[in-house]
Amino acid sequence: SPQPRKILDSEAIELLLKEGHVVICSGGGGVPVTEDGAGSEAVIDKDLAAALLAEQINADGLVILTDADAVYENWGTPQQRAIRRATPDELAPFAKADGSMGPKVTAVSGYVRSRGKPAWIGALSRIEETLAGEAGTCISL
């Protein structure tokens, strides 16, 4: 997936959010568009697009929801252990992970480094616990 460079409608999205609306945007397989019409066929990674949008609208945090309830050390082994809190540097080895967790770790780590604000990775079914630090993984500096 190519790296997203800009969310063209971020100002409109930010305005709608400030007015109290729930905005569904930057979803899976985002469609790349250009202002000049020159481009290529591609699918933009949803996690990287979400992180870029969060940066552009100066969000207070970023939450990436997935099936897994956290980032795991030793995933799929008897020694697997949920990582509840970590810095982007501590999660760097997981950015290269196979499957869907690698792009999520890359996206939240970039957001945290860029904005200095926290991000979370967790399961949709446990969003409240994730934000409370009882589930999921919180990434911060």
Protein backbone atom coordinates (compact mmCIF):
# COMPACT_ATOMS: atom_id res chain seq x y z
CA SER A 1 0.00 0.00 0.00
CA PRO A 2 1.28 3.47 -0.79
CA GLN A 3 1.76 5.89 2.10
CA PRO A 4 -1.15 8.35 2.28
CA ARG A 5 0.09 11.93 2.01
CA LYS A 6 -2.94 14.03 2.81
CA ILE A 7 -6.62 13.63 3.68
CA LEU A 8 -8.21 16.10 1.28
CA ASP A 9 -11.41 16.59 3.29
CA SER A 10 -9.81 16.82 6.74
CA GLU A 11 -11.01 20.38 7.34
CA ALA A 12 -14.63 19.40 6.65
CA ILE A 13 -14.25 16.31 8.85
CA GLU A 14 -12.80 18.41 11.68
CA LEU A 15 -15.66 20.93 11.41
CA LEU A 16 -18.29 18.18 11.55
CA LEU A 17 -16.61 16.64 14.61
CA LYS A 18 -16.50 20.02 16.38
CA GLU A 19 -20.24 20.36 15.71
CA GLY A 20 -20.84 17.05 17.51
CA HIS A 21 -21.41 14.80 14.50
CA VAL A 22 -20.14 11.24 14.23
CA VAL A 23 -18.09 11.05 11.04
CA ILE A 24 -17.33 7.76 9.33
CA CYS A 25 -14.24 8.30 7.18
CA SER A 26 -10.84 6.91 6.13
CA GLY A 27 -12.25 3.40 6.21
CA GLY A 28 -10.81 0.14 4.98
CA GLY A 29 -9.12 0.21 1.62
CA GLY A 30 -9.34 3.97 1.29
CA VAL A 31 -9.63 5.25 -2.25
CA PRO A 32 -6.62 7.32 -3.29
CA VAL A 33 -7.46 10.56 -5.06
CA THR A 34 -5.37 13.44 -6.29
CA GLU A 35 -6.00 17.11 -6.82
CA ASP A 36 -4.30 17.15 -10.23
CA GLY A 37 -5.80 13.98 -11.68
CA ALA A 38 -2.49 12.18 -12.09
CA GLY A 39 -2.17 9.06 -10.03
CA SER A 40 -2.12 5.30 -10.03
CA GLU A 41 -4.41 2.48 -9.05
CA ALA A 42 -3.78 1.62 -5.43
CA VAL A 43 -5.45 0.86 -2.13
CA ILE A 44 -4.43 3.02 0.80
CA ASP A 45 -3.87 1.24 4.12
CA LYS A 46 -6.76 2.11 6.47
CA ASP A 47 -4.59 2.31 9.59
CA LEU A 48 -2.09 4.70 8.00
CA ALA A 49 -4.97 6.80 6.66
CA ALA A 50 -6.58 6.94 10.11
CA ALA A 51 -3.30 8.04 11.70
CA LEU A 52 -2.78 10.72 9.07
CA LEU A 53 -6.32 12.02 9.58
CA ALA A 54 -5.80 12.09 13.36
CA GLU A 55 -2.63 14.14 12.79
CA GLN A 56 -4.30 16.55 10.37
CA ILE A 57 -7.25 17.30 12.66
CA ASN A 58 -5.03 17.44 15.77
CA ALA A 59 -6.99 14.65 17.47
CA ASP A 60 -6.55 14.12 21.20
CA GLY A 61 -5.77 10.45 20.56
CA LEU A 62 -6.05 7.64 18.05
CA VAL A 63 -7.89 4.35 18.57
CA ILE A 64 -7.38 1.46 16.15
CA LEU A 65 -9.93 -1.30 16.70
CA THR A 66 -9.39 -4.86 15.54
CA ASP A 67 -10.29 -8.46 16.37
CA ALA A 68 -7.26 -8.89 18.64
CA ASP A 69 -7.72 -7.43 22.09
CA ALA A 70 -4.11 -6.14 22.28
CA VAL A 71 -0.65 -6.32 20.76
CA TYR A 72 0.87 -9.59 21.94
CA GLU A 73 4.42 -10.63 22.62
CA ASN A 74 5.09 -14.22 21.44
CA TRP A 75 1.74 -14.30 19.62
CA GLY A 76 0.36 -17.79 19.02
CA THR A 77 2.67 -19.52 21.49
CA PRO A 78 2.06 -20.76 25.03
CA GLN A 79 4.19 -17.80 26.18
CA GLN A 80 2.01 -15.15 24.53
CA ARG A 81 1.48 -12.09 26.68
CA ALA A 82 -0.62 -8.99 26.08
CA ILE A 83 1.36 -5.75 26.03
CA ARG A 84 -0.76 -3.21 27.91
CA ARG A 85 1.54 -0.16 27.72
CA ALA A 86 4.46 0.59 25.43
CA THR A 87 6.36 3.33 23.68
CA PRO A 88 6.71 3.42 19.89
CA ASP A 89 10.34 2.29 20.27
CA GLU A 90 9.30 -0.70 22.39
CA LEU A 91 6.75 -1.71 19.75
CA ALA A 92 9.15 -1.26 16.80
CA PRO A 93 9.78 -5.03 16.40
CA PHE A 94 6.03 -5.58 16.03
CA ALA A 95 5.77 -3.15 13.10
CA LYS A 96 7.34 -5.83 10.91
CA ALA A 97 4.91 -8.53 12.07
CA ASP A 98 3.08 -10.60 9.50
CA GLY A 99 -0.67 -10.20 9.29
CA SER A 100 -2.72 -7.16 10.16
CA MET A 101 -0.97 -6.06 13.38
CA GLY A 102 2.17 -4.69 11.70
CA PRO A 103 0.41 -1.82 9.88
CA LYS A 104 -1.54 -0.97 13.03
CA VAL A 105 1.64 -0.71 15.10
CA THR A 106 3.30 1.35 12.37
CA ALA A 107 0.33 3.73 12.18
CA VAL A 108 -0.10 4.34 15.91
CA SER A 109 3.65 4.63 16.49
CA GLY A 110 3.94 7.28 13.80
CA TYR A 111 0.99 9.19 15.24
CA VAL A 112 2.36 9.09 18.80
CA ARG A 113 5.82 10.21 17.66
CA SER A 114 4.40 13.00 15.50
CA ARG A 115 1.80 14.40 17.90
CA GLY A 116 3.03 13.30 21.32
CA LYS A 117 -0.48 12.11 22.11
CA PRO A 118 -1.55 8.58 23.05
CA ALA A 119 -2.95 5.87 20.82
CA TRP A 120 -4.63 2.56 21.55
CA ILE A 121 -4.97 -0.77 19.75
CA GLY A 122 -7.72 -3.05 20.99
CA ALA A 123 -10.88 -4.98 20.26
CA LEU A 124 -14.12 -3.22 19.36
CA SER A 125 -15.91 -5.39 21.92
CA ARG A 126 -13.63 -4.01 24.66
CA ILE A 127 -13.26 -0.36 23.69
CA GLU A 128 -14.23 1.00 27.12
CA GLU A 129 -11.76 -1.28 28.89
CA THR A 130 -9.07 -0.42 26.34
CA LEU A 131 -9.44 3.32 26.95
CA ALA A 132 -9.41 2.67 30.71
CA GLY A 133 -6.14 0.69 30.45
CA GLU A 134 -7.77 -2.61 31.43
CA ALA A 135 -7.49 -4.16 27.95
CA GLY A 136 -5.81 -3.39 24.66
CA THR A 137 -2.45 -1.72 24.24
CA CYS A 138 -1.82 1.96 25.03
CA ILE A 139 1.04 3.51 23.11
CA SER A 140 2.56 6.75 24.42
CA LEU A 141 5.89 8.51 24.79
